[in-house]
Amino acid sequence: MGAGSSAVNAWVTPGSATLDQNTGRQLDGIQLDRLFTDRLSGKDLHRPQLDAMIGFVRDGDHVLVHSMDRLARNLDDLRSTVRTLTGKGVRVEFVKEQLTFTGEDTAMATLLLSVMGAFAEFERALLLDRQREGIALAKQRGAYRGRKPSLNSEQIARLTERAAGGDAKTALAREFGISRETVYQYLRAAAGNRGVG
């Protein structure tokens, strides 16, 4: 995939649990050569598929992203990621915002990236505030049950047994469809339960 390549790659993430989880609809109807999807929110620091996509793309490639808030944790991260990609000769297109960046952008395009990125960061903060308020009100009413566990007790037992047997945490996370941090949370909880017993 050298210069002039027309490869179209995409990176999407479902965002937080309160947002649309169907990544298939994010870029529905667009023909893609390769799809990179992280099952994490844009605010997460560890995004292996984003890192893989950045390592994979070459000069002349075209990267589609559903929206700015799916790509970055904050405005600084957004600008840095776009600069990294365009610095490699990659065209970056945000479908929802209808903005494209090539590295040879006008001052107006750079301003739009900053303004739209700041709005996305602000919207995420508002969403989290509303979510916290909703949880607080639900707790007051006694209606809040918390987040449903990712794994059932049988799966947790298998996970802890496999981890104790030396299986890699990354491989376990992939197999069980959870993040590495969630793997560690289950393992800490299991160790705590053993200590109590």
N, C-alpha and C. Protein backbone atom coordinates (compact mmCIF):
# COMPACT_ATOMS: atom_id res chain seq x y z
N MET A 1 0.83 -1.19 0.00
CA MET A 1 0.00 0.00 0.00
C MET A 1 0.87 1.24 0.00
N GLY A 2 1.46 1.54 -1.05
CA GLY A 2 2.32 2.70 -1.13
C GLY A 2 1.55 3.94 -1.50
N ALA A 3 2.28 4.96 -1.96
CA ALA A 3 1.65 6.22 -2.33
C ALA A 3 0.63 5.96 -3.42
N GLY A 4 -0.49 6.65 -3.32
CA GLY A 4 -1.53 6.51 -4.30
C GLY A 4 -2.49 5.36 -4.01
N SER A 5 -2.22 4.64 -2.94
CA SER A 5 -3.11 3.53 -2.57
C SER A 5 -4.49 4.07 -2.24
N SER A 6 -5.50 3.28 -2.60
CA SER A 6 -6.86 3.73 -2.32
C SER A 6 -7.50 2.92 -1.21
N ALA A 7 -6.66 2.22 -0.43
CA ALA A 7 -7.20 1.38 0.64
C ALA A 7 -8.01 2.22 1.61
N VAL A 8 -9.17 1.71 1.96
CA VAL A 8 -10.01 2.41 2.93
C VAL A 8 -10.06 1.57 4.19
N ASN A 9 -9.58 2.13 5.27
CA ASN A 9 -9.57 1.47 6.57
C ASN A 9 -10.48 2.26 7.49
N ALA A 10 -11.02 1.59 8.47
CA ALA A 10 -11.90 2.30 9.40
C ALA A 10 -11.59 1.90 10.82
N TRP A 11 -11.78 2.83 11.72
CA TRP A 11 -11.64 2.54 13.14
C TRP A 11 -12.89 3.03 13.82
N VAL A 12 -13.54 2.13 14.57
CA VAL A 12 -14.74 2.51 15.31
C VAL A 12 -14.69 1.90 16.69
N THR A 13 -15.37 2.51 17.60
CA THR A 13 -15.53 1.99 18.95
C THR A 13 -16.94 2.29 19.38
N PRO A 14 -17.58 1.42 20.15
CA PRO A 14 -18.95 1.67 20.53
C PRO A 14 -19.14 2.78 21.54
N GLY A 15 -18.10 3.30 22.11
CA GLY A 15 -18.27 4.37 23.09
C GLY A 15 -18.77 3.82 24.41
N SER A 16 -19.30 4.68 25.25
CA SER A 16 -19.75 4.24 26.57
C SER A 16 -21.04 3.46 26.45
N ALA A 17 -21.39 2.80 27.54
CA ALA A 17 -22.56 1.91 27.54
C ALA A 17 -23.85 2.66 27.26
N THR A 18 -23.85 3.98 27.41
CA THR A 18 -25.07 4.75 27.21
C THR A 18 -25.27 5.12 25.74
N LEU A 19 -24.26 4.85 24.90
CA LEU A 19 -24.35 5.22 23.50
C LEU A 19 -24.64 4.00 22.64
N ASP A 20 -24.92 4.22 21.38
CA ASP A 20 -25.22 3.16 20.42
C ASP A 20 -24.08 2.14 20.40
N GLN A 21 -24.40 0.89 20.69
CA GLN A 21 -23.38 -0.15 20.75
C GLN A 21 -23.20 -0.87 19.41
N ASN A 22 -24.01 -0.58 18.42
CA ASN A 22 -23.94 -1.31 17.17
C ASN A 22 -22.91 -0.68 16.24
N THR A 23 -21.68 -1.22 16.26
CA THR A 23 -20.63 -0.64 15.42
C THR A 23 -20.91 -0.87 13.95
N GLY A 24 -21.67 -1.89 13.61
CA GLY A 24 -22.01 -2.15 12.21
C GLY A 24 -22.77 -1.00 11.58
N ARG A 25 -23.61 -0.33 12.35
CA ARG A 25 -24.39 0.78 11.81
C ARG A 25 -23.57 2.05 11.67
N GLN A 26 -22.43 2.15 12.38
CA GLN A 26 -21.66 3.38 12.35
C GLN A 26 -21.17 3.73 10.96
N LEU A 27 -20.77 2.74 10.20
CA LEU A 27 -20.25 2.98 8.85
C LEU A 27 -21.02 2.12 7.85
N ASP A 28 -22.32 2.01 8.08
CA ASP A 28 -23.19 1.17 7.27
C ASP A 28 -23.16 1.61 5.81
N GLY A 29 -23.00 0.64 4.93
CA GLY A 29 -23.07 0.92 3.50
C GLY A 29 -21.76 1.40 2.90
N ILE A 30 -20.71 1.55 3.68
CA ILE A 30 -19.42 2.01 3.17
C ILE A 30 -18.53 0.79 2.95
N GLN A 31 -17.98 0.68 1.74
CA GLN A 31 -17.10 -0.45 1.42
C GLN A 31 -15.74 -0.22 2.07
N LEU A 32 -15.31 -1.15 2.92
CA LEU A 32 -14.05 -1.01 3.64
C LEU A 32 -13.11 -2.15 3.30
N ASP A 33 -11.82 -1.85 3.22
CA ASP A 33 -10.82 -2.90 3.01
C ASP A 33 -10.47 -3.57 4.33
N ARG A 34 -10.47 -2.81 5.40
CA ARG A 34 -10.08 -3.34 6.71
C ARG A 34 -10.80 -2.55 7.78
N LEU A 35 -11.32 -3.25 8.79
CA LEU A 35 -12.04 -2.60 9.88
C LEU A 35 -11.32 -2.85 11.18
N PHE A 36 -11.03 -1.79 11.92
CA PHE A 36 -10.40 -1.88 13.24
C PHE A 36 -11.44 -1.42 14.25
N THR A 37 -11.77 -2.27 15.22
CA THR A 37 -12.80 -1.93 16.20
C THR A 37 -12.31 -2.24 17.60
N ASP A 38 -12.30 -1.23 18.46
CA ASP A 38 -12.03 -1.45 19.88
C ASP A 38 -13.36 -1.50 20.61
N ARG A 39 -13.54 -2.46 21.50
CA ARG A 39 -14.76 -2.59 22.29
C ARG A 39 -14.61 -1.81 23.59
N LEU A 40 -14.13 -0.59 23.45
CA LEU A 40 -13.89 0.28 24.59
C LEU A 40 -14.40 1.65 24.23
N SER A 41 -14.43 2.52 25.20
CA SER A 41 -14.84 3.88 24.87
C SER A 41 -13.63 4.69 24.42
N GLY A 42 -13.90 5.77 23.69
CA GLY A 42 -12.82 6.63 23.21
C GLY A 42 -11.97 7.20 24.32
N LYS A 43 -12.50 7.24 25.55
CA LYS A 43 -11.74 7.81 26.66
C LYS A 43 -10.71 6.84 27.22
N ASP A 44 -10.77 5.56 26.87
CA ASP A 44 -9.85 4.57 27.41
C ASP A 44 -8.45 4.80 26.88
N LEU A 45 -7.46 4.60 27.77
CA LEU A 45 -6.06 4.78 27.38
C LEU A 45 -5.56 3.63 26.53
N HIS A 46 -5.99 2.41 26.83
CA HIS A 46 -5.50 1.22 26.15
C HIS A 46 -6.47 0.86 25.02
N ARG A 47 -6.09 1.21 23.78
CA ARG A 47 -6.93 0.93 22.63
C ARG A 47 -6.10 0.17 21.60
N PRO A 48 -5.99 -1.14 21.77
CA PRO A 48 -5.08 -1.92 20.91
C PRO A 48 -5.41 -1.85 19.43
N GLN A 49 -6.69 -1.80 19.07
CA GLN A 49 -7.04 -1.76 17.65
C GLN A 49 -6.72 -0.40 17.03
N LEU A 50 -6.85 0.67 17.80
CA LEU A 50 -6.44 1.98 17.29
C LEU A 50 -4.94 1.97 17.04
N ASP A 51 -4.17 1.43 17.99
CA ASP A 51 -2.72 1.33 17.81
C ASP A 51 -2.38 0.47 16.59
N ALA A 52 -3.12 -0.63 16.41
CA ALA A 52 -2.89 -1.51 15.26
C ALA A 52 -3.18 -0.79 13.96
N MET A 53 -4.26 -0.01 13.94
CA MET A 53 -4.62 0.72 12.73
C MET A 53 -3.55 1.76 12.40
N ILE A 54 -3.07 2.47 13.42
CA ILE A 54 -2.03 3.48 13.18
C ILE A 54 -0.76 2.82 12.64
N GLY A 55 -0.45 1.64 13.15
CA GLY A 55 0.72 0.91 12.66
C GLY A 55 0.53 0.33 11.27
N PHE A 56 -0.71 0.04 10.91
CA PHE A 56 -1.03 -0.63 9.65
C PHE A 56 -1.08 0.33 8.45
N VAL A 57 -1.65 1.50 8.64
CA VAL A 57 -1.90 2.39 7.50
C VAL A 57 -0.60 2.91 6.89
N ARG A 58 -0.68 3.19 5.60
CA ARG A 58 0.47 3.67 4.83
C ARG A 58 0.08 4.91 4.04
N ASP A 59 1.09 5.55 3.49
CA ASP A 59 0.91 6.73 2.66
C ASP A 59 -0.13 6.44 1.57
N GLY A 60 -1.13 7.29 1.47
CA GLY A 60 -2.17 7.13 0.46
C GLY A 60 -3.42 6.44 0.96
N ASP A 61 -3.37 5.88 2.16
CA ASP A 61 -4.55 5.21 2.72
C ASP A 61 -5.58 6.25 3.16
N HIS A 62 -6.80 5.79 3.31
CA HIS A 62 -7.93 6.64 3.69
C HIS A 62 -8.57 6.00 4.92
N VAL A 63 -8.59 6.71 6.03
CA VAL A 63 -9.17 6.18 7.27
C VAL A 63 -10.50 6.89 7.53
N LEU A 64 -11.54 6.08 7.69
CA LEU A 64 -12.86 6.60 8.03
C LEU A 64 -13.12 6.38 9.51
N VAL A 65 -13.63 7.39 10.18
CA VAL A 65 -13.99 7.28 11.59
C VAL A 65 -15.42 7.77 11.72
N HIS A 66 -16.25 7.02 12.44
CA HIS A 66 -17.66 7.41 12.57
C HIS A 66 -17.79 8.85 13.05
N SER A 67 -17.13 9.19 14.16
CA SER A 67 -17.20 10.56 14.68
C SER A 67 -15.99 10.84 15.55
N MET A 68 -15.73 12.11 15.77
CA MET A 68 -14.55 12.52 16.52
C MET A 68 -14.53 11.93 17.93
N ASP A 69 -15.71 11.87 18.57
CA ASP A 69 -15.73 11.38 19.95
C ASP A 69 -15.43 9.89 20.03
N ARG A 70 -15.44 9.18 18.89
CA ARG A 70 -15.10 7.77 18.87
C ARG A 70 -13.59 7.56 18.76
N LEU A 71 -12.87 8.59 18.35
CA LEU A 71 -11.44 8.44 18.10
C LEU A 71 -10.59 8.83 19.29
N ALA A 72 -11.03 9.80 20.09
CA ALA A 72 -10.12 10.38 21.07
C ALA A 72 -10.78 10.62 22.42
N ARG A 73 -9.94 10.64 23.46
CA ARG A 73 -10.40 10.89 24.83
C ARG A 73 -10.70 12.37 25.05
N ASN A 74 -9.92 13.21 24.39
CA ASN A 74 -10.07 14.65 24.59
C ASN A 74 -9.51 15.37 23.37
N LEU A 75 -9.59 16.68 23.40
CA LEU A 75 -9.18 17.48 22.25
C LEU A 75 -7.71 17.30 21.92
N ASP A 76 -6.85 17.28 22.93
CA ASP A 76 -5.41 17.12 22.68
C ASP A 76 -5.13 15.78 22.01
N ASP A 77 -5.79 14.72 22.50
CA ASP A 77 -5.60 13.39 21.92
C ASP A 77 -6.11 13.34 20.48
N LEU A 78 -7.24 13.99 20.23
CA LEU A 78 -7.80 14.04 18.88
C LEU A 78 -6.82 14.69 17.91
N ARG A 79 -6.32 15.87 18.29
CA ARG A 79 -5.38 16.57 17.40
C ARG A 79 -4.12 15.76 17.17
N SER A 80 -3.60 15.15 18.25
CA SER A 80 -2.39 14.35 18.15
C SER A 80 -2.58 13.15 17.23
N THR A 81 -3.71 12.46 17.38
CA THR A 81 -3.97 11.27 16.55
C THR A 81 -4.13 11.65 15.09
N VAL A 82 -4.87 12.72 14.82
CA VAL A 82 -5.04 13.18 13.43
C VAL A 82 -3.69 13.60 12.86
N ARG A 83 -2.86 14.30 13.63
CA ARG A 83 -1.53 14.70 13.16
C ARG A 83 -0.66 13.48 12.85
N THR A 84 -0.73 12.47 13.73
CA THR A 84 0.05 11.24 13.51
C THR A 84 -0.35 10.58 12.19
N LEU A 85 -1.65 10.46 11.96
CA LEU A 85 -2.13 9.81 10.74
C LEU A 85 -1.81 10.62 9.50
N THR A 86 -2.12 11.90 9.53
CA THR A 86 -1.86 12.72 8.34
C THR A 86 -0.36 12.87 8.10
N GLY A 87 0.43 12.79 9.17
CA GLY A 87 1.89 12.83 9.03
C GLY A 87 2.43 11.62 8.26
N LYS A 88 1.66 10.54 8.25
CA LYS A 88 2.04 9.34 7.50
C LYS A 88 1.48 9.38 6.07
N GLY A 89 0.84 10.49 5.71
CA GLY A 89 0.26 10.60 4.37
C GLY A 89 -1.12 9.98 4.28
N VAL A 90 -1.79 9.82 5.42
CA VAL A 90 -3.11 9.18 5.48
C VAL A 90 -4.19 10.25 5.51
N ARG A 91 -5.22 10.02 4.73
CA ARG A 91 -6.39 10.91 4.71
C ARG A 91 -7.35 10.44 5.81
N VAL A 92 -7.77 11.35 6.70
CA VAL A 92 -8.65 11.00 7.81
C VAL A 92 -10.00 11.69 7.61
N GLU A 93 -11.05 10.87 7.58
CA GLU A 93 -12.40 11.42 7.36
C GLU A 93 -13.30 11.06 8.53
N PHE A 94 -13.96 12.08 9.08
CA PHE A 94 -14.96 11.89 10.14
C PHE A 94 -16.33 11.96 9.48
N VAL A 95 -17.03 10.84 9.48
CA VAL A 95 -18.28 10.73 8.73
C VAL A 95 -19.37 11.62 9.31
N LYS A 96 -19.59 11.56 10.61
CA LYS A 96 -20.68 12.31 11.23
C LYS A 96 -20.49 13.82 11.07
N GLU A 97 -19.26 14.28 11.27
CA GLU A 97 -18.98 15.72 11.17
C GLU A 97 -18.76 16.19 9.74
N GLN A 98 -18.61 15.23 8.81
CA GLN A 98 -18.35 15.53 7.40
C GLN A 98 -17.09 16.39 7.23
N LEU A 99 -16.04 15.98 7.95
CA LEU A 99 -14.76 16.68 7.87
C LEU A 99 -13.68 15.70 7.45
N THR A 100 -12.75 16.18 6.61
CA THR A 100 -11.64 15.36 6.13
C THR A 100 -10.35 16.13 6.33
N PHE A 101 -9.30 15.40 6.76
CA PHE A 101 -8.00 16.01 7.00
C PHE A 101 -6.93 15.22 6.27
N THR A 102 -6.01 15.97 5.66
CA THR A 102 -4.98 15.34 4.83
C THR A 102 -3.56 15.70 5.26
N GLY A 103 -3.41 16.65 6.15
CA GLY A 103 -2.07 17.12 6.51
C GLY A 103 -1.72 18.40 5.77
N GLU A 104 -2.46 18.68 4.70
CA GLU A 104 -2.27 19.93 3.95
C GLU A 104 -3.51 20.79 4.14
N ASP A 105 -3.98 20.83 5.37
CA ASP A 105 -5.25 21.47 5.67
C ASP A 105 -5.11 22.98 5.82
N THR A 106 -6.19 23.65 5.50
CA THR A 106 -6.22 25.11 5.64
C THR A 106 -6.32 25.46 7.12
N ALA A 107 -6.10 26.72 7.41
CA ALA A 107 -6.24 27.21 8.78
C ALA A 107 -7.68 27.00 9.26
N MET A 108 -8.65 27.14 8.35
CA MET A 108 -10.06 26.94 8.72
C MET A 108 -10.32 25.48 9.09
N ALA A 109 -9.74 24.54 8.34
CA ALA A 109 -9.92 23.12 8.64
C ALA A 109 -9.33 22.78 10.01
N THR A 110 -8.17 23.35 10.30
CA THR A 110 -7.53 23.12 11.60
C THR A 110 -8.38 23.70 12.72
N LEU A 111 -8.95 24.86 12.49
CA LEU A 111 -9.84 25.47 13.48
C LEU A 111 -11.07 24.60 13.70
N LEU A 112 -11.65 24.10 12.61
CA LEU A 112 -12.84 23.23 12.72
C LEU A 112 -12.53 21.97 13.51
N LEU A 113 -11.35 21.39 13.31
CA LEU A 113 -10.95 20.21 14.07
C LEU A 113 -10.96 20.53 15.57
N SER A 114 -10.39 21.68 15.92
CA SER A 114 -10.33 22.08 17.33
C SER A 114 -11.71 22.38 17.90
N VAL A 115 -12.53 23.11 17.14
CA VAL A 115 -13.86 23.49 17.62
C VAL A 115 -14.76 22.26 17.75
N MET A 116 -14.80 21.42 16.71
CA MET A 116 -15.65 20.24 16.75
C MET A 116 -15.16 19.25 17.80
N GLY A 117 -13.84 19.13 17.93
CA GLY A 117 -13.28 18.26 18.97
C GLY A 117 -13.63 18.74 20.35
N ALA A 118 -13.59 20.07 20.56
CA ALA A 118 -13.96 20.64 21.86
C ALA A 118 -15.43 20.38 22.16
N PHE A 119 -16.30 20.50 21.14
CA PHE A 119 -17.72 20.20 21.32
C PHE A 119 -17.93 18.74 21.70
N ALA A 120 -17.20 17.84 21.04
CA ALA A 120 -17.33 16.41 21.34
C ALA A 120 -16.91 16.13 22.78
N GLU A 121 -15.82 16.76 23.22
CA GLU A 121 -15.36 16.59 24.60
C GLU A 121 -16.39 17.14 25.59
N PHE A 122 -16.97 18.29 25.26
CA PHE A 122 -17.99 18.92 26.11
C PHE A 122 -19.24 18.04 26.19
N GLU A 123 -19.67 17.50 25.03
CA GLU A 123 -20.85 16.63 25.01
C GLU A 123 -20.63 15.39 25.86
N ARG A 124 -19.43 14.81 25.79
CA ARG A 124 -19.13 13.64 26.60
C ARG A 124 -19.21 13.98 28.08
N ALA A 125 -18.67 15.15 28.47
CA ALA A 125 -18.71 15.56 29.87
C ALA A 125 -20.16 15.76 30.33
N LEU A 126 -21.00 16.38 29.47
CA LEU A 126 -22.41 16.56 29.82
C LEU A 126 -23.12 15.22 29.97
N LEU A 127 -22.83 14.30 29.06
CA LEU A 127 -23.43 12.97 29.12
C LEU A 127 -23.08 12.27 30.42
N LEU A 128 -21.81 12.35 30.81
CA LEU A 128 -21.38 11.72 32.06
C LEU A 128 -22.04 12.37 33.27
N ASP A 129 -22.18 13.70 33.23
CA ASP A 129 -22.87 14.41 34.32
C ASP A 129 -24.32 13.93 34.43
N ARG A 130 -25.02 13.85 33.29
CA ARG A 130 -26.42 13.38 33.31
C ARG A 130 -26.51 11.94 33.79
N GLN A 131 -25.54 11.13 33.38
CA GLN A 131 -25.52 9.73 33.80
C GLN A 131 -25.35 9.64 35.32
N ARG A 132 -24.41 10.41 35.86
CA ARG A 132 -24.19 10.41 37.32
C ARG A 132 -25.43 10.88 38.07
N GLU A 133 -26.08 11.94 37.54
CA GLU A 133 -27.30 12.44 38.18
C GLU A 133 -28.40 11.39 38.15
N GLY A 134 -28.54 10.71 37.01
CA GLY A 134 -29.56 9.66 36.88
C GLY A 134 -29.31 8.51 37.84
N ILE A 135 -28.06 8.12 38.00
CA ILE A 135 -27.72 7.04 38.93
C ILE A 135 -28.01 7.47 40.36
N ALA A 136 -27.66 8.72 40.71
CA ALA A 136 -27.93 9.22 42.06
C ALA A 136 -29.42 9.22 42.36
N LEU A 137 -30.24 9.67 41.39
CA LEU A 137 -31.69 9.68 41.59
C LEU A 137 -32.24 8.26 41.70
N ALA A 138 -31.72 7.35 40.88
CA ALA A 138 -32.18 5.96 40.93
C ALA A 138 -31.81 5.32 42.26
N LYS A 139 -30.63 5.66 42.79
CA LYS A 139 -30.22 5.14 44.10
C LYS A 139 -31.16 5.65 45.19
N GLN A 140 -31.54 6.93 45.11
CA GLN A 140 -32.46 7.50 46.10
C GLN A 140 -33.80 6.78 46.07
N ARG A 141 -34.25 6.38 44.89
CA ARG A 141 -35.52 5.67 44.77
C ARG A 141 -35.38 4.18 45.08
N GLY A 142 -34.14 3.72 45.22
CA GLY A 142 -33.89 2.31 45.46
C GLY A 142 -34.01 1.48 44.19
N ALA A 143 -33.94 2.13 43.04
CA ALA A 143 -34.14 1.44 41.76
C ALA A 143 -32.83 1.10 41.06
N TYR A 144 -31.70 1.55 41.59
CA TYR A 144 -30.42 1.34 40.91
C TYR A 144 -29.85 -0.03 41.28
N ARG A 145 -29.62 -0.83 40.27
CA ARG A 145 -29.09 -2.18 40.50
C ARG A 145 -27.62 -2.29 40.11
N GLY A 146 -27.08 -1.23 39.55
CA GLY A 146 -25.69 -1.27 39.10
C GLY A 146 -25.57 -1.93 37.75
N ARG A 147 -24.36 -1.97 37.26
CA ARG A 147 -24.10 -2.53 35.95
C ARG A 147 -24.15 -4.06 36.02
N LYS A 148 -24.74 -4.67 35.02
CA LYS A 148 -24.82 -6.13 34.95
C LYS A 148 -23.42 -6.69 34.76
N PRO A 149 -23.04 -7.71 35.53
CA PRO A 149 -21.70 -8.29 35.38
C PRO A 149 -21.49 -8.83 33.97
N SER A 150 -20.26 -8.70 33.48
CA SER A 150 -19.93 -9.17 32.13
C SER A 150 -19.94 -10.69 32.04
N LEU A 151 -19.53 -11.35 33.14
CA LEU A 151 -19.42 -12.81 33.14
C LEU A 151 -20.29 -13.41 34.23
N ASN A 152 -20.78 -14.62 33.99
CA ASN A 152 -21.53 -15.32 35.05
C ASN A 152 -20.53 -16.07 35.95
N SER A 153 -21.03 -16.69 37.00
CA SER A 153 -20.14 -17.32 37.99
C SER A 153 -19.32 -18.47 37.38
N GLU A 154 -19.92 -19.21 36.46
CA GLU A 154 -19.19 -20.30 35.81
C GLU A 154 -18.04 -19.76 34.96
N GLN A 155 -18.30 -18.67 34.23
CA GLN A 155 -17.26 -18.06 33.40
C GLN A 155 -16.15 -17.48 34.27
N ILE A 156 -16.53 -16.88 35.40
CA ILE A 156 -15.53 -16.31 36.32
C ILE A 156 -14.63 -17.41 36.85
N ALA A 157 -15.23 -18.54 37.21
CA ALA A 157 -14.45 -19.68 37.71
C ALA A 157 -13.46 -20.16 36.65
N ARG A 158 -13.93 -20.28 35.38
CA ARG A 158 -13.05 -20.70 34.30
C ARG A 158 -11.93 -19.69 34.08
N LEU A 159 -12.29 -18.41 34.12
CA LEU A 159 -11.30 -17.34 33.92
C LEU A 159 -10.21 -17.41 34.98
N THR A 160 -10.60 -17.50 36.25
CA THR A 160 -9.60 -17.51 37.33
C THR A 160 -8.74 -18.77 37.27
N GLU A 161 -9.36 -19.90 36.91
CA GLU A 161 -8.61 -21.16 36.79
C GLU A 161 -7.58 -21.07 35.68
N ARG A 162 -7.99 -20.51 34.54
CA ARG A 162 -7.08 -20.38 33.40
C ARG A 162 -5.96 -19.40 33.70
N ALA A 163 -6.29 -18.29 34.39
CA ALA A 163 -5.26 -17.30 34.74
C ALA A 163 -4.26 -17.92 35.70
N ALA A 164 -4.77 -18.70 36.68
CA ALA A 164 -3.88 -19.38 37.63
C ALA A 164 -3.00 -20.39 36.92
N GLY A 165 -3.50 -20.94 35.82
CA GLY A 165 -2.73 -21.91 35.03
C GLY A 165 -1.70 -21.26 34.12
N GLY A 166 -1.67 -19.93 34.11
CA GLY A 166 -0.64 -19.22 33.34
C GLY A 166 -1.08 -18.65 32.02
N ASP A 167 -2.38 -18.75 31.68
CA ASP A 167 -2.84 -18.17 30.42
C ASP A 167 -2.64 -16.65 30.44
N ALA A 168 -2.28 -16.10 29.30
CA ALA A 168 -2.04 -14.65 29.20
C ALA A 168 -3.34 -13.87 29.40
N LYS A 169 -3.24 -12.78 30.15
CA LYS A 169 -4.43 -11.96 30.45
C LYS A 169 -5.04 -11.37 29.18
N THR A 170 -4.18 -10.97 28.25
CA THR A 170 -4.68 -10.40 26.99
C THR A 170 -5.49 -11.43 26.21
N ALA A 171 -4.99 -12.66 26.15
CA ALA A 171 -5.69 -13.72 25.43
C ALA A 171 -7.01 -14.04 26.12
N LEU A 172 -7.01 -14.05 27.46
CA LEU A 172 -8.24 -14.31 28.21
C LEU A 172 -9.27 -13.21 27.96
N ALA A 173 -8.80 -11.95 27.96
CA ALA A 173 -9.71 -10.82 27.72
C ALA A 173 -10.37 -10.97 26.36
N ARG A 174 -9.58 -11.32 25.35
CA ARG A 174 -10.11 -11.48 24.00
C ARG A 174 -11.12 -12.64 23.95
N GLU A 175 -10.76 -13.75 24.56
CA GLU A 175 -11.62 -14.93 24.52
C GLU A 175 -12.95 -14.71 25.23
N PHE A 176 -12.91 -14.01 26.38
CA PHE A 176 -14.13 -13.80 27.16
C PHE A 176 -14.88 -12.53 26.75
N GLY A 177 -14.30 -11.77 25.81
CA GLY A 177 -14.97 -10.56 25.31
C GLY A 177 -15.03 -9.43 26.31
N ILE A 178 -13.97 -9.30 27.13
CA ILE A 178 -13.90 -8.24 28.13
C ILE A 178 -12.55 -7.55 28.01
N SER A 179 -12.40 -6.42 28.69
CA SER A 179 -11.13 -5.71 28.64
C SER A 179 -10.14 -6.37 29.60
N ARG A 180 -8.85 -6.09 29.40
CA ARG A 180 -7.83 -6.63 30.32
C ARG A 180 -8.07 -6.12 31.73
N GLU A 181 -8.49 -4.86 31.88
CA GLU A 181 -8.76 -4.33 33.21
C GLU A 181 -9.88 -5.11 33.89
N THR A 182 -10.91 -5.50 33.12
CA THR A 182 -12.00 -6.30 33.69
C THR A 182 -11.48 -7.67 34.12
N VAL A 183 -10.57 -8.26 33.34
CA VAL A 183 -9.95 -9.53 33.75
C VAL A 183 -9.30 -9.36 35.11
N TYR A 184 -8.49 -8.29 35.25
CA TYR A 184 -7.81 -8.05 36.53
C TYR A 184 -8.80 -7.80 37.67
N GLN A 185 -9.91 -7.11 37.38
CA GLN A 185 -10.92 -6.89 38.42
C GLN A 185 -11.50 -8.21 38.91
N TYR A 186 -11.83 -9.10 37.98
CA TYR A 186 -12.35 -10.42 38.38
C TYR A 186 -11.32 -11.20 39.18
N LEU A 187 -10.06 -11.14 38.77
CA LEU A 187 -9.01 -11.88 39.48
C LEU A 187 -8.79 -11.31 40.88
N ARG A 188 -8.82 -9.98 41.01
CA ARG A 188 -8.68 -9.35 42.35
C ARG A 188 -9.84 -9.74 43.24
N ALA A 189 -11.06 -9.71 42.67
CA ALA A 189 -12.25 -10.08 43.47
C ALA A 189 -12.17 -11.53 43.90
N ALA A 190 -11.72 -12.41 43.00
CA ALA A 190 -11.60 -13.84 43.35
C ALA A 190 -10.56 -14.04 44.44
N ALA A 191 -9.44 -13.31 44.34
CA ALA A 191 -8.39 -13.42 45.37
C ALA A 191 -8.91 -12.91 46.71
N GLY A 192 -9.69 -11.82 46.67
CA GLY A 192 -10.29 -11.28 47.91
C GLY A 192 -11.26 -12.24 48.54
N ASN A 193 -12.05 -12.91 47.71
CA ASN A 193 -13.03 -13.89 48.22
C ASN A 193 -12.33 -15.09 48.88
N ARG A 194 -11.21 -15.51 48.27
CA ARG A 194 -10.45 -16.61 48.86
C ARG A 194 -9.87 -16.21 50.21
N GLY A 195 -9.44 -14.92 50.28
CA GLY A 195 -8.88 -14.43 51.54
C GLY A 195 -9.90 -14.37 52.65
N VAL A 196 -11.16 -14.04 52.29
CA VAL A 196 -12.23 -13.94 53.29
C VAL A 196 -12.60 -15.33 53.78
N GLY A 197 -12.66 -16.30 52.85
CA GLY A 197 -13.04 -17.66 53.21
C GLY A 197 -11.97 -18.28 54.05
